[in-house]
């Protein structure tokens, strides 16, 4: 199913995304390797065992990126011109290997571009673990196609 065009976003609306993902150790390891993030809190079980968390944490940037991916089918799949910004990123709780995350998106604001040909949409994404605890939140602002625009 394609994403939404600018006109189809309603300010104040919350979209509960059906897609979920259980994060594996391999997911976290691969992401850390690909981004060259060798933080021992993500990769070293012995190091992490001595921290207040007691075990390795999933990389927060992976959590955020995965959450964006979970939201795409219901928001911007095929209807986006560009991501403009990610703001107010928070990680209030850690994510561990084996956690299953899901996301909800609330439309915060929208406005047409100065030429009226496209629209800017700002949305808040909240990411929850399997216990319905918020583990990440952020605002995502996108440049969206209008329904009548062909690109």
C-alpha atoms as a PDB file:
ATOM      1  CA  UNK A   1       0.000   0.000   0.000  1.00  0.00           C
ATOM      2  CA  UNK A   2       1.445   3.397  -0.929  1.00  0.00           C
ATOM      3  CA  UNK A   3       2.054   6.103   1.624  1.00  0.00           C
ATOM      4  CA  UNK A   4      -0.022   9.214   2.040  1.00  0.00           C
ATOM      5  CA  UNK A   5       0.032  12.352  -0.022  1.00  0.00           C
ATOM      6  CA  UNK A   6       0.187  15.733   1.708  1.00  0.00           C
ATOM      7  CA  UNK A   7      -3.593  16.185   1.574  1.00  0.00           C
ATOM      8  CA  UNK A   8      -4.152  12.863   3.343  1.00  0.00           C
ATOM      9  CA  UNK A   9      -2.340  13.805   6.557  1.00  0.00           C
ATOM     10  CA  UNK A  10      -4.592  15.208   9.300  1.00  0.00           C
ATOM     11  CA  UNK A  11      -3.013  17.254  12.087  1.00  0.00           C
ATOM     12  CA  UNK A  12      -3.614  15.538  15.437  1.00  0.00           C
ATOM     13  CA  UNK A  13      -4.183  12.121  13.891  1.00  0.00           C
ATOM     14  CA  UNK A  14      -2.291   9.170  15.377  1.00  0.00           C
ATOM     15  CA  UNK A  15      -1.391   6.261  13.131  1.00  0.00           C
ATOM     16  CA  UNK A  16      -0.810   2.963  14.921  1.00  0.00           C
ATOM     17  CA  UNK A  17       1.525   0.933  12.720  1.00  0.00           C
ATOM     18  CA  UNK A  18       0.859  -2.805  12.492  1.00  0.00           C
ATOM     19  CA  UNK A  19       4.428  -3.806  11.647  1.00  0.00           C
ATOM     20  CA  UNK A  20       6.700  -4.928  14.503  1.00  0.00           C
ATOM     21  CA  UNK A  21      10.241  -6.226  14.666  1.00  0.00           C
ATOM     22  CA  UNK A  22      12.090  -8.322  17.211  1.00  0.00           C
ATOM     23  CA  UNK A  23      15.683  -7.108  17.351  1.00  0.00           C
ATOM     24  CA  UNK A  24      18.321  -9.804  17.290  1.00  0.00           C
ATOM     25  CA  UNK A  25      21.939  -9.759  18.404  1.00  0.00           C
ATOM     26  CA  UNK A  26      22.903 -10.117  14.726  1.00  0.00           C
ATOM     27  CA  UNK A  27      20.875  -7.002  13.815  1.00  0.00           C
ATOM     28  CA  UNK A  28      22.696  -4.944  16.427  1.00  0.00           C
ATOM     29  CA  UNK A  29      26.127  -6.376  15.561  1.00  0.00           C
ATOM     30  CA  UNK A  30      25.639  -5.807  11.831  1.00  0.00           C
ATOM     31  CA  UNK A  31      24.456  -2.231  12.334  1.00  0.00           C
ATOM     32  CA  UNK A  32      27.400  -1.427  14.613  1.00  0.00           C
ATOM     33  CA  UNK A  33      29.801  -2.971  12.082  1.00  0.00           C
ATOM     34  CA  UNK A  34      28.278  -1.094   9.145  1.00  0.00           C
ATOM     35  CA  UNK A  35      28.425   2.253  10.957  1.00  0.00           C
ATOM     36  CA  UNK A  36      31.846   1.588  12.524  1.00  0.00           C
ATOM     37  CA  UNK A  37      30.387   2.140  15.995  1.00  0.00           C
ATOM     38  CA  UNK A  38      32.473  -0.077  18.243  1.00  0.00           C
ATOM     39  CA  UNK A  39      30.974   1.144  21.520  1.00  0.00           C
ATOM     40  CA  UNK A  40      31.541  -1.756  23.975  1.00  0.00           C
ATOM     41  CA  UNK A  41      28.149  -1.151  25.562  1.00  0.00           C
ATOM     42  CA  UNK A  42      26.658  -2.502  22.310  1.00  0.00           C
ATOM     43  CA  UNK A  43      29.183  -5.237  21.544  1.00  0.00           C
ATOM     44  CA  UNK A  44      31.075  -6.479  24.617  1.00  0.00           C
ATOM     45  CA  UNK A  45      28.991  -8.700  26.916  1.00  0.00           C
ATOM     46  CA  UNK A  46      31.562  -8.612  29.723  1.00  0.00           C
ATOM     47  CA  UNK A  47      31.864  -4.833  29.610  1.00  0.00           C
ATOM     48  CA  UNK A  48      28.074  -4.357  29.475  1.00  0.00           C
ATOM     49  CA  UNK A  49      27.581  -6.787  32.387  1.00  0.00           C
ATOM     50  CA  UNK A  50      29.477  -4.338  34.610  1.00  0.00           C
ATOM     51  CA  UNK A  51      27.220  -1.391  33.695  1.00  0.00           C
ATOM     52  CA  UNK A  52      23.956  -0.399  35.317  1.00  0.00           C
ATOM     53  CA  UNK A  53      22.137  -2.168  32.457  1.00  0.00           C
ATOM     54  CA  UNK A  54      23.776  -5.540  33.123  1.00  0.00           C
ATOM     55  CA  UNK A  55      23.778  -6.517  29.463  1.00  0.00           C
ATOM     56  CA  UNK A  56      24.452  -5.138  25.988  1.00  0.00           C
ATOM     57  CA  UNK A  57      22.190  -2.429  24.616  1.00  0.00           C
ATOM     58  CA  UNK A  58      20.890  -2.142  21.092  1.00  0.00           C
ATOM     59  CA  UNK A  59      22.393   0.843  19.296  1.00  0.00           C
ATOM     60  CA  UNK A  60      19.955   3.755  19.648  1.00  0.00           C
ATOM     61  CA  UNK A  61      20.463   4.935  16.083  1.00  0.00           C
ATOM     62  CA  UNK A  62      19.469   1.465  14.877  1.00  0.00           C
ATOM     63  CA  UNK A  63      16.324   1.637  17.020  1.00  0.00           C
ATOM     64  CA  UNK A  64      15.444   5.008  15.518  1.00  0.00           C
ATOM     65  CA  UNK A  65      16.187   3.894  11.957  1.00  0.00           C
ATOM     66  CA  UNK A  66      14.151   0.730  12.383  1.00  0.00           C
ATOM     67  CA  UNK A  67      11.252   2.777  13.725  1.00  0.00           C
ATOM     68  CA  UNK A  68      11.338   4.996  10.639  1.00  0.00           C
ATOM     69  CA  UNK A  69      11.223   1.868   8.503  1.00  0.00           C
ATOM     70  CA  UNK A  70       8.236   0.504  10.428  1.00  0.00           C
ATOM     71  CA  UNK A  71       6.318   3.733   9.728  1.00  0.00           C
ATOM     72  CA  UNK A  72       7.097   4.135   6.008  1.00  0.00           C
ATOM     73  CA  UNK A  73       4.283   1.993   4.525  1.00  0.00           C
ATOM     74  CA  UNK A  74       1.629   4.020   6.364  1.00  0.00           C
ATOM     75  CA  UNK A  75       3.190   7.449   5.890  1.00  0.00           C
ATOM     76  CA  UNK A  76       5.605   8.194   3.052  1.00  0.00           C
ATOM     77  CA  UNK A  77       6.092   5.086   0.893  1.00  0.00           C
ATOM     78  CA  UNK A  78       6.279   6.468  -2.658  1.00  0.00           C
ATOM     79  CA  UNK A  79       4.894   9.882  -1.685  1.00  0.00           C
ATOM     80  CA  UNK A  80       7.975  11.577  -0.233  1.00  0.00           C
ATOM     81  CA  UNK A  81      10.268  14.034  -1.964  1.00  0.00           C
ATOM     82  CA  UNK A  82      12.792  14.140   0.903  1.00  0.00           C
ATOM     83  CA  UNK A  83      13.319  13.807   4.625  1.00  0.00           C
ATOM     84  CA  UNK A  84      14.049  17.329   5.868  1.00  0.00           C
ATOM     85  CA  UNK A  85      14.940  16.738   9.510  1.00  0.00           C
ATOM     86  CA  UNK A  86      14.881  14.529  12.553  1.00  0.00           C
ATOM     87  CA  UNK A  87      14.513  16.525  15.761  1.00  0.00           C
ATOM     88  CA  UNK A  88      13.989  16.087  19.493  1.00  0.00           C
ATOM     89  CA  UNK A  89      15.337  12.538  19.550  1.00  0.00           C
ATOM     90  CA  UNK A  90      15.015  10.865  22.953  1.00  0.00           C
ATOM     91  CA  UNK A  91      15.852   7.395  24.234  1.00  0.00           C
ATOM     92  CA  UNK A  92      14.097   7.207  27.626  1.00  0.00           C
ATOM     93  CA  UNK A  93      14.631   3.448  28.069  1.00  0.00           C
ATOM     94  CA  UNK A  94      17.180   1.000  26.707  1.00  0.00           C
ATOM     95  CA  UNK A  95      16.463  -1.608  24.055  1.00  0.00           C
ATOM     96  CA  UNK A  96      17.913  -5.093  24.507  1.00  0.00           C
ATOM     97  CA  UNK A  97      18.468  -8.046  22.173  1.00  0.00           C
ATOM     98  CA  UNK A  98      15.161  -9.891  21.898  1.00  0.00           C
ATOM     99  CA  UNK A  99      12.964  -6.815  22.420  1.00  0.00           C
ATOM    100  CA  UNK A 100      10.112  -6.368  19.963  1.00  0.00           C
ATOM    101  CA  UNK A 101       9.430  -2.798  18.936  1.00  0.00           C
ATOM    102  CA  UNK A 102       6.474  -1.105  17.316  1.00  0.00           C
ATOM    103  CA  UNK A 103       5.705   2.509  16.447  1.00  0.00           C
ATOM    104  CA  UNK A 104       2.959   5.110  16.468  1.00  0.00           C
ATOM    105  CA  UNK A 105       3.032   8.334  14.462  1.00  0.00           C
ATOM    106  CA  UNK A 106       1.155  11.518  15.381  1.00  0.00           C
ATOM    107  CA  UNK A 107       0.861  14.280  12.795  1.00  0.00           C
ATOM    108  CA  UNK A 108       1.989  17.501  14.489  1.00  0.00           C
ATOM    109  CA  UNK A 109       1.711  20.075  11.718  1.00  0.00           C
ATOM    110  CA  UNK A 110       1.603  20.554   7.985  1.00  0.00           C
ATOM    111  CA  UNK A 111       1.947  23.435   5.554  1.00  0.00           C
ATOM    112  CA  UNK A 112       2.202  23.921   1.833  1.00  0.00           C
ATOM    113  CA  UNK A 113       5.487  25.019   0.333  1.00  0.00           C
ATOM    114  CA  UNK A 114       5.718  28.652  -0.789  1.00  0.00           C
ATOM    115  CA  UNK A 115       5.005  27.653  -4.397  1.00  0.00           C
ATOM    116  CA  UNK A 116       2.036  25.518  -3.298  1.00  0.00           C
ATOM    117  CA  UNK A 117       3.315  22.522  -5.231  1.00  0.00           C
ATOM    118  CA  UNK A 118       4.271  20.311  -2.285  1.00  0.00           C
ATOM    119  CA  UNK A 119       3.745  20.111   1.456  1.00  0.00           C
ATOM    120  CA  UNK A 120       5.845  19.900   4.585  1.00  0.00           C
ATOM    121  CA  UNK A 121       4.597  17.479   7.232  1.00  0.00           C
ATOM    122  CA  UNK A 122       6.009  17.160  10.750  1.00  0.00           C
ATOM    123  CA  UNK A 123       5.207  14.011  12.663  1.00  0.00           C
ATOM    124  CA  UNK A 124       6.158  12.614  16.044  1.00  0.00           C
ATOM    125  CA  UNK A 125       7.149   8.963  16.124  1.00  0.00           C
ATOM    126  CA  UNK A 126       6.955   7.072  19.401  1.00  0.00           C
ATOM    127  CA  UNK A 127       8.644   3.691  19.630  1.00  0.00           C
ATOM    128  CA  UNK A 128       7.444   1.092  22.139  1.00  0.00           C
ATOM    129  CA  UNK A 129       8.883  -2.190  23.365  1.00  0.00           C
ATOM    130  CA  UNK A 130       6.846  -5.341  24.040  1.00  0.00           C
ATOM    131  CA  UNK A 131       5.896  -3.946  27.477  1.00  0.00           C
ATOM    132  CA  UNK A 132       4.365  -0.828  25.861  1.00  0.00           C
ATOM    133  CA  UNK A 133       7.154   1.331  27.313  1.00  0.00           C
ATOM    134  CA  UNK A 134       8.430   4.194  25.171  1.00  0.00           C
ATOM    135  CA  UNK A 135      12.034   3.420  24.211  1.00  0.00           C
ATOM    136  CA  UNK A 136      12.557   6.170  21.633  1.00  0.00           C
ATOM    137  CA  UNK A 137      10.748   9.212  20.305  1.00  0.00           C
ATOM    138  CA  UNK A 138      11.560  11.807  17.684  1.00  0.00           C
ATOM    139  CA  UNK A 139      10.069  14.291  15.263  1.00  0.00           C
ATOM    140  CA  UNK A 140      10.424  13.628  11.548  1.00  0.00           C
ATOM    141  CA  UNK A 141       9.772  16.375   9.009  1.00  0.00           C
ATOM    142  CA  UNK A 142       9.231  15.423   5.381  1.00  0.00           C
ATOM    143  CA  UNK A 143       8.655  17.146   2.071  1.00  0.00           C
ATOM    144  CA  UNK A 144       5.610  15.394   0.689  1.00  0.00           C
ATOM    145  CA  UNK A 145       4.095  15.103  -2.752  1.00  0.00           C
ATOM    146  CA  UNK A 146       0.624  16.473  -3.295  1.00  0.00           C
ATOM    147  CA  UNK A 147      -1.825  14.091  -4.869  1.00  0.00           C
ATOM    148  CA  UNK A 148      -1.801  15.778  -8.279  1.00  0.00           C
ATOM    149  CA  UNK A 149       2.017  16.006  -8.544  1.00  0.00           C
ATOM    150  CA  UNK A 150       3.852  13.521 -10.738  1.00  0.00           C
ATOM    151  CA  UNK A 151       7.525  12.804 -10.043  1.00  0.00           C
END
